[in-house]
Protein backbone atom coordinates (compact mmCIF):
# COMPACT_ATOMS: atom_id res chain seq x y z
CA MET A 1 0.13 0.07 -0.31
CA GLY A 2 1.62 3.42 -0.80
CA THR A 3 1.91 6.34 1.45
CA ALA A 4 -1.57 8.19 0.27
CA ALA A 5 -3.81 5.13 0.68
CA LEU A 6 -1.59 4.31 4.11
CA LEU A 7 -2.37 8.34 5.33
CA ARG A 8 -6.24 8.29 3.73
CA ALA A 9 -6.84 4.39 5.46
CA ALA A 10 -5.87 6.10 8.83
CA GLY A 11 -8.33 8.95 8.51
CA VAL A 12 -5.48 11.75 7.36
CA GLY A 13 -7.06 14.30 4.86
CA LEU A 14 -8.43 17.27 4.18
CA GLY A 15 -7.20 20.05 6.61
CA ASP A 16 -4.64 17.57 7.87
CA GLU A 17 -0.98 18.38 8.34
CA VAL A 18 1.88 15.74 7.58
CA VAL A 19 5.40 16.49 8.54
CA VAL A 20 7.89 15.59 5.84
CA PRO A 21 11.08 16.26 4.87
CA ALA A 22 12.32 18.51 2.15
CA PHE A 23 15.34 16.86 1.69
CA GLY A 24 14.83 14.30 -0.99
CA ASN A 25 12.34 12.91 -3.51
CA VAL A 26 9.06 15.28 -4.42
CA GLU A 27 6.73 11.96 -4.30
CA VAL A 28 6.63 11.90 -0.37
CA ALA A 29 4.77 15.17 -0.47
CA GLU A 30 2.66 14.43 -3.35
CA ALA A 31 1.22 11.31 -1.53
CA VAL A 32 0.42 13.73 1.06
CA THR A 33 -1.25 16.00 -1.11
CA MET A 34 -3.27 12.99 -3.03
CA ALA A 35 -4.61 12.20 0.90
CA GLY A 36 -5.98 15.72 0.71
CA ALA A 37 -3.56 17.04 3.50
CA LEU A 38 -0.97 19.42 3.51
CA PRO A 39 2.99 18.55 3.50
CA MET A 40 4.66 20.73 5.68
CA PHE A 41 8.35 20.03 5.92
CA ALA A 42 11.34 19.55 8.95
CA ASP A 43 14.72 19.73 8.89
CA ILE A 44 16.96 16.66 8.72
CA ASP A 45 19.83 15.33 11.03
CA PRO A 46 23.10 16.15 9.29
CA ALA A 47 24.32 12.65 9.62
CA THR A 48 21.97 10.56 8.61
CA TYR A 49 19.91 12.80 6.15
CA CYS A 50 16.95 12.04 7.65
CA LEU A 51 14.21 13.62 9.49
CA ASP A 52 15.42 14.90 12.27
CA ALA A 53 12.93 14.06 15.70
CA ALA A 54 13.65 17.57 17.38
CA ALA A 55 13.01 19.59 13.97
CA VAL A 56 10.00 17.28 13.82
CA GLU A 57 8.58 17.99 17.29
CA ALA A 58 9.05 21.86 16.67
CA ALA A 59 7.19 21.66 13.46
CA VAL A 60 3.94 20.32 14.90
CA THR A 61 0.72 22.46 15.48
CA PRO A 62 -2.77 21.78 16.32
CA ARG A 63 -3.48 20.20 12.62
CA THR A 64 -0.69 17.89 12.51
CA ALA A 65 -1.73 14.63 11.91
CA ALA A 66 1.33 12.48 10.77
CA VAL A 67 4.66 12.08 9.93
CA VAL A 68 6.28 10.39 7.29
CA ALA A 69 10.09 9.15 8.04
CA VAL A 70 11.70 8.67 4.82
CA HIS A 71 14.99 6.41 5.09
CA ARG A 72 17.75 8.11 3.33
CA PHE A 73 20.77 6.28 1.19
CA GLY A 74 21.16 3.45 3.06
CA ARG A 75 20.72 5.05 6.68
CA LEU A 76 17.83 4.54 8.79
CA ALA A 77 15.68 7.52 10.29
CA ASP A 78 15.72 7.49 14.23
CA ILE A 79 12.41 6.10 14.29
CA ALA A 80 12.44 5.36 18.54
CA ARG A 81 12.96 8.94 18.64
CA LEU A 82 10.24 9.78 15.98
CA HIS A 83 7.62 7.50 17.22
CA ALA A 84 8.64 9.02 20.64
CA VAL A 85 7.51 12.22 19.40
CA GLY A 86 4.20 10.91 17.54
CA GLN A 87 2.99 9.12 21.07
CA ARG A 88 3.55 12.57 22.67
CA HIS A 89 1.74 14.66 20.20
CA GLY A 90 -0.98 11.45 19.34
CA LEU A 91 0.62 11.39 15.57
CA LEU A 92 0.56 8.42 13.14
CA VAL A 93 4.14 7.88 12.44
CA LEU A 94 4.81 6.36 8.92
CA GLU A 95 8.18 4.71 7.47
CA GLN A 96 8.96 4.99 3.51
CA GLY A 97 12.32 2.77 3.11
CA GLU A 98 14.29 2.17 0.36
CA SER A 99 14.33 -1.12 -2.10
CA GLU A 100 16.42 -3.59 -0.14
CA ALA A 101 19.17 -5.25 -2.23
CA PRO A 102 20.73 -8.81 -1.40
CA TYR A 103 23.22 -9.37 1.54
CA ASP A 104 26.32 -9.94 -0.80
CA GLU A 105 25.93 -7.07 -2.58
CA ILE A 106 25.26 -4.87 0.30
CA ALA A 107 28.66 -6.45 1.67
CA GLN A 108 30.41 -5.30 -1.73
CA ARG A 109 29.12 -2.20 -1.14
CA ARG A 110 30.06 -1.71 2.49
CA GLU A 111 33.73 -3.09 1.53
CA ARG A 112 34.25 -0.24 -1.13
CA ALA A 113 33.20 2.33 0.92
CA ALA A 114 35.49 1.34 3.88
CA TYR A 115 38.26 1.51 1.31
CA LEU A 116 36.90 5.20 0.04
CA ASP A 117 36.71 6.09 3.98
CA ALA A 118 39.99 5.16 4.15
CA LYS A 119 41.48 6.62 0.64
CA LEU A 120 39.42 9.94 0.15
CA ARG A 121 41.25 13.22 1.01
CA GLY A 122 39.58 17.07 1.11
CA VAL A 123 35.80 15.68 1.11
CA ARG A 124 33.68 14.55 4.46
CA THR A 125 32.85 10.95 3.71
CA PRO A 126 29.55 9.97 5.23
CA ASP A 127 28.97 8.65 8.90
CA ASP A 128 28.89 4.76 8.66
CA GLY A 129 26.43 4.72 11.49
CA ASP A 130 24.62 1.29 12.25
CA GLY A 131 23.83 -1.11 9.64
CA HIS A 132 24.91 1.57 6.97
CA THR A 133 23.80 -0.51 3.36
CA TYR A 134 25.58 2.26 1.44
CA GLN A 135 22.64 2.65 -1.08
CA GLN A 136 24.31 5.59 -2.15
CA TYR A 137 28.26 6.59 -0.98
CA VAL A 138 27.40 10.71 -0.24
CA VAL A 139 30.24 12.86 0.64
CA ARG A 140 30.28 16.46 1.35
CA VAL A 141 32.43 18.82 -0.71
CA PRO A 142 34.08 21.51 1.55
CA GLY A 143 34.27 25.26 0.05
CA ASN A 144 31.45 27.48 -0.45
CA GLY A 145 28.30 25.06 -1.07
CA ARG A 146 27.10 24.90 -4.46
CA PRO A 147 29.22 26.37 -6.63
CA ASP A 148 32.45 24.69 -5.59
CA ARG A 149 30.19 21.16 -5.12
CA ASP A 150 29.33 21.70 -8.72
CA ALA A 151 32.65 22.74 -9.97
CA PHE A 152 34.24 19.53 -8.04
CA ALA A 153 31.57 17.38 -9.79
CA ARG A 154 32.32 18.46 -13.26
CA ALA A 155 36.45 17.40 -12.77
CA VAL A 156 35.80 14.14 -10.93
CA ARG A 157 33.05 13.42 -13.94
CA ALA A 158 36.07 14.87 -16.14
CA LYS A 159 38.54 11.93 -14.89
CA GLY A 160 35.55 9.48 -16.05
CA VAL A 161 33.66 9.15 -12.39
CA ALA A 162 29.90 9.01 -12.37
CA CYS A 163 29.23 10.70 -9.58
CA ARG A 164 25.96 12.48 -9.19
CA VAL A 165 24.22 15.24 -6.99
CA PRO A 166 21.75 13.23 -4.70
CA VAL A 167 19.10 16.13 -4.22
CA LYS A 168 19.02 19.26 -6.65
CA THR A 169 16.64 21.13 -5.16
CA PRO A 170 14.81 20.66 -1.46
CA VAL A 171 11.02 20.11 -2.00
CA HIS A 172 10.27 23.27 -0.35
CA ARG A 173 11.97 25.23 -2.84
CA LEU A 174 10.03 23.52 -5.78
CA PRO A 175 7.20 26.27 -7.34
CA GLU A 176 4.08 23.95 -6.60
CA PHE A 177 5.68 23.40 -2.96
CA ARG A 178 7.63 26.62 -1.93
CA ARG A 179 7.48 27.29 1.85
CA CYS A 180 8.63 29.75 3.86
CA VAL A 181 10.18 27.82 6.28
CA SER A 182 14.24 27.57 7.99
CA LEU A 183 15.50 24.33 6.71
CA PRO A 184 19.27 25.47 7.26
CA GLU A 185 20.74 21.45 7.30
CA THR A 186 18.30 20.59 4.51
CA GLU A 187 19.98 23.75 2.58
CA ARG A 188 23.39 22.82 3.57
CA ALA A 189 22.85 19.52 2.36
CA SER A 190 21.56 20.13 -0.69
CA ASP A 191 24.37 22.40 -1.73
CA GLU A 192 27.38 20.57 -0.31
CA THR A 193 26.48 16.90 -1.03
CA LEU A 194 27.65 14.38 -4.01
CA ALA A 195 27.38 10.62 -4.78
CA LEU A 196 30.15 8.41 -5.43
CA PRO A 197 29.94 5.37 -6.90
CA VAL A 198 30.05 2.10 -4.82
CA ASP A 199 28.47 -0.24 -6.90
CA ALA A 200 29.14 -4.40 -6.67
CA SER A 201 30.37 -4.13 -10.03
CA LEU A 202 33.37 -1.93 -9.53
CA THR A 203 36.71 -3.23 -9.87
CA LYS A 204 39.74 -2.23 -7.61
CA ARG A 205 41.05 -0.27 -10.65
CA ASP A 206 37.90 1.73 -10.50
CA MET A 207 37.79 2.26 -7.01
CA GLN A 208 41.70 3.82 -7.36
CA ARG A 209 40.73 5.82 -10.03
CA ILE A 210 37.47 7.51 -8.16
CA VAL A 211 40.34 8.33 -5.16
CA SER A 212 42.63 9.57 -7.54
CA ALA A 213 40.31 12.38 -9.14
CA CYS A 214 38.91 13.24 -5.93
CA ASN A 215 42.44 13.26 -3.92
CA ALA A 216 43.64 15.61 -6.94
CA LEU A 217 41.32 18.46 -6.10
CA GLY A 218 41.35 17.89 -2.30
CA GLY A 219 43.06 21.14 -0.42
CA LEU A 220 42.09 23.70 -3.42
CA LEU A 221 38.66 23.85 -1.69
CA GLN A 222 38.81 25.64 1.45
CA PRO A 223 35.68 27.46 3.03
CA ALA A 224 35.77 31.30 2.75
CA PHE A 225 36.25 32.87 5.81
């Protein structure tokens, strides 16, 4: 059953608000509107890129009926804390996961992620956390936000590395969902993050190419003072 159907089945609809992340795909906000409710955006935990429980609690109003937590990049949202918020305020808490990969594929991703963790310089590697499956290996590029991240991405692609920007525009910045809301961690993550390959098909030589391309740029990008 999809998110919209689950919300409707729980009686969430017209006049209700549902707290969702703005960092990620627009489909979650669209599902809320399909249920007849209004998506409200809360900020993320910068380590997991998932909804931050304190930010969710701050976003709760008398009209809030539910929260939709999305597990992101292979990291799990802090569901225990989110359920505690839900219990305090009488909210439905739904989880939206990512497609599961076979165990051997996850093990290979973790092996490649560990290699990158040990070898990369000049970027901030992901917090491995509990049970990270590395659906995406997302780093932070230092410097002055989006312009430096985009320049870094272009330079790495020119070396044959298929990197990608995981979230180009936060949902609260899209015209159909535009909100005047302060989401500093969401904005920062959108400007600084870059996903590097950790596919199980990558060879050791591929991994060395990724490290070489990234490390050639490390140290050239410094934060502005």
